[in-house]
Structures are given as C-alpha cells and as structure tokens.
Amino acid sequence: MEDSGITLDDAMQHLQVWLDADAAVATGQQFTVSSPTGGRTLTRADAATIQSNIKYWQLRVRRLRNGGIGIRRVIPL
C-alpha cells in the first residue's frame, strides 16, 4: 500500500463520517459529506456508495493499525 500520508486518526475520522452517513440515510434522512474541495448530499439511493466507503475506510484503519501491512492467512499445502 502506498504511503498517502493518511494517519490512523485520519482514517478513523473518515470511517466515522461514513458510519454517520449510513445511520442518517438508514432513517430516511439526507447526509452531507464535506471536504475541502466541496461537499456531497447523500440519500438512500446512495446506500451502495456509503457501504463501499465504509468497507474502504475499515480496511484502511485495519491496515494502519497493523503497521500499514495487509495481513492474510496462508495455509501451506
């Protein structure tokens, strides 16, 4: 994984934003994701996008907690 300068704290904050979006959209509300380059309002129709981003940030958090290395279980033959 390339070093993108994202810290564990950054990744956890991004993950929380997407978890909040999921909770808001699940109850029928809209949710606005803000960024320095603009924002985006999400609705239930964006549920797949929200879930995709949750999975992405969960993976980033997990990798950063493990020192930036994705650990896979290998079973020798």
Protein backbone atom coordinates (compact mmCIF):
# COMPACT_ATOMS: atom_id res chain seq x y z
CA MET A 1 0.00 0.00 0.00
CA GLU A 2 1.40 3.41 -0.93
CA ASP A 3 2.12 5.98 1.72
CA SER A 4 -0.59 8.55 1.14
CA GLY A 5 0.13 10.48 4.33
CA ILE A 6 -3.12 9.32 5.92
CA THR A 7 -2.73 8.63 9.61
CA LEU A 8 -4.74 6.18 11.67
CA ASP A 9 -6.61 9.11 13.22
CA ASP A 10 -7.43 10.48 9.75
CA ALA A 11 -8.71 7.09 8.61
CA MET A 12 -10.81 6.67 11.75
CA GLN A 13 -12.36 10.12 11.24
CA HIS A 14 -13.22 9.29 7.63
CA LEU A 15 -14.72 5.97 8.71
CA GLN A 16 -16.86 7.73 11.32
CA VAL A 17 -18.16 10.18 8.71
CA TRP A 18 -19.34 7.30 6.54
CA LEU A 19 -20.83 5.43 9.51
CA ASP A 20 -22.76 8.61 10.40
CA ALA A 21 -23.92 8.89 6.79
CA ASP A 22 -25.14 5.29 6.88
CA ALA A 23 -27.09 5.90 10.10
CA ALA A 24 -28.70 9.10 8.77
CA VAL A 25 -29.63 7.63 5.42
CA ALA A 26 -31.00 4.46 7.05
CA THR A 27 -33.54 6.58 8.93
CA GLY A 28 -34.64 8.38 5.78
CA GLN A 29 -32.58 11.50 6.30
CA GLN A 30 -30.13 13.15 3.98
CA PHE A 31 -26.50 13.46 4.93
CA THR A 32 -23.90 15.87 3.63
CA VAL A 33 -20.27 14.80 3.39
CA SER A 34 -18.00 17.84 3.42
CA SER A 35 -14.49 18.05 2.09
CA PRO A 36 -12.03 20.84 1.34
CA THR A 37 -12.88 20.54 -2.35
CA GLY A 38 -16.66 20.57 -1.90
CA GLY A 39 -19.48 18.58 -0.45
CA ARG A 40 -21.98 15.96 -1.44
CA THR A 41 -25.51 15.29 -0.18
CA LEU A 42 -26.39 11.60 0.13
CA THR A 43 -29.78 9.92 0.27
CA ARG A 44 -31.00 6.32 0.45
CA ALA A 45 -30.18 5.95 -3.24
CA ASP A 46 -26.52 6.33 -2.25
CA ALA A 47 -26.56 3.36 0.14
CA ALA A 48 -24.18 1.32 -2.06
CA THR A 49 -21.72 4.22 -2.20
CA ILE A 50 -21.89 4.62 1.57
CA GLN A 51 -21.30 0.90 2.17
CA SER A 52 -18.40 0.90 -0.27
CA ASN A 53 -16.77 3.80 1.55
CA ILE A 54 -17.32 2.13 4.94
CA LYS A 55 -15.56 -1.01 3.69
CA TYR A 56 -12.72 1.08 2.21
CA TRP A 57 -12.10 3.04 5.43
CA GLN A 58 -12.46 -0.06 7.63
CA LEU A 59 -9.70 -1.65 5.55
CA ARG A 60 -7.51 1.47 5.80
CA VAL A 61 -7.99 1.58 9.59
CA ARG A 62 -7.17 -2.13 9.89
CA ARG A 63 -4.03 -1.78 7.74
CA LEU A 64 -2.81 1.28 9.62
CA ARG A 65 -3.33 -0.49 12.94
CA ASN A 66 -1.22 -3.36 11.60
CA GLY A 67 1.62 -1.05 10.60
CA GLY A 68 0.39 -0.46 7.06
CA ILE A 69 0.62 -4.09 6.03
CA GLY A 70 -2.39 -6.14 4.99
CA ILE A 71 -2.15 -9.46 6.80
CA ARG A 72 -3.50 -12.53 5.12
CA ARG A 73 -3.67 -16.02 6.45
CA VAL A 74 -1.75 -18.50 4.34
CA ILE A 75 -2.18 -22.24 4.70
CA PRO A 76 0.75 -24.21 3.24
CA LEU A 77 -0.03 -27.18 1.03
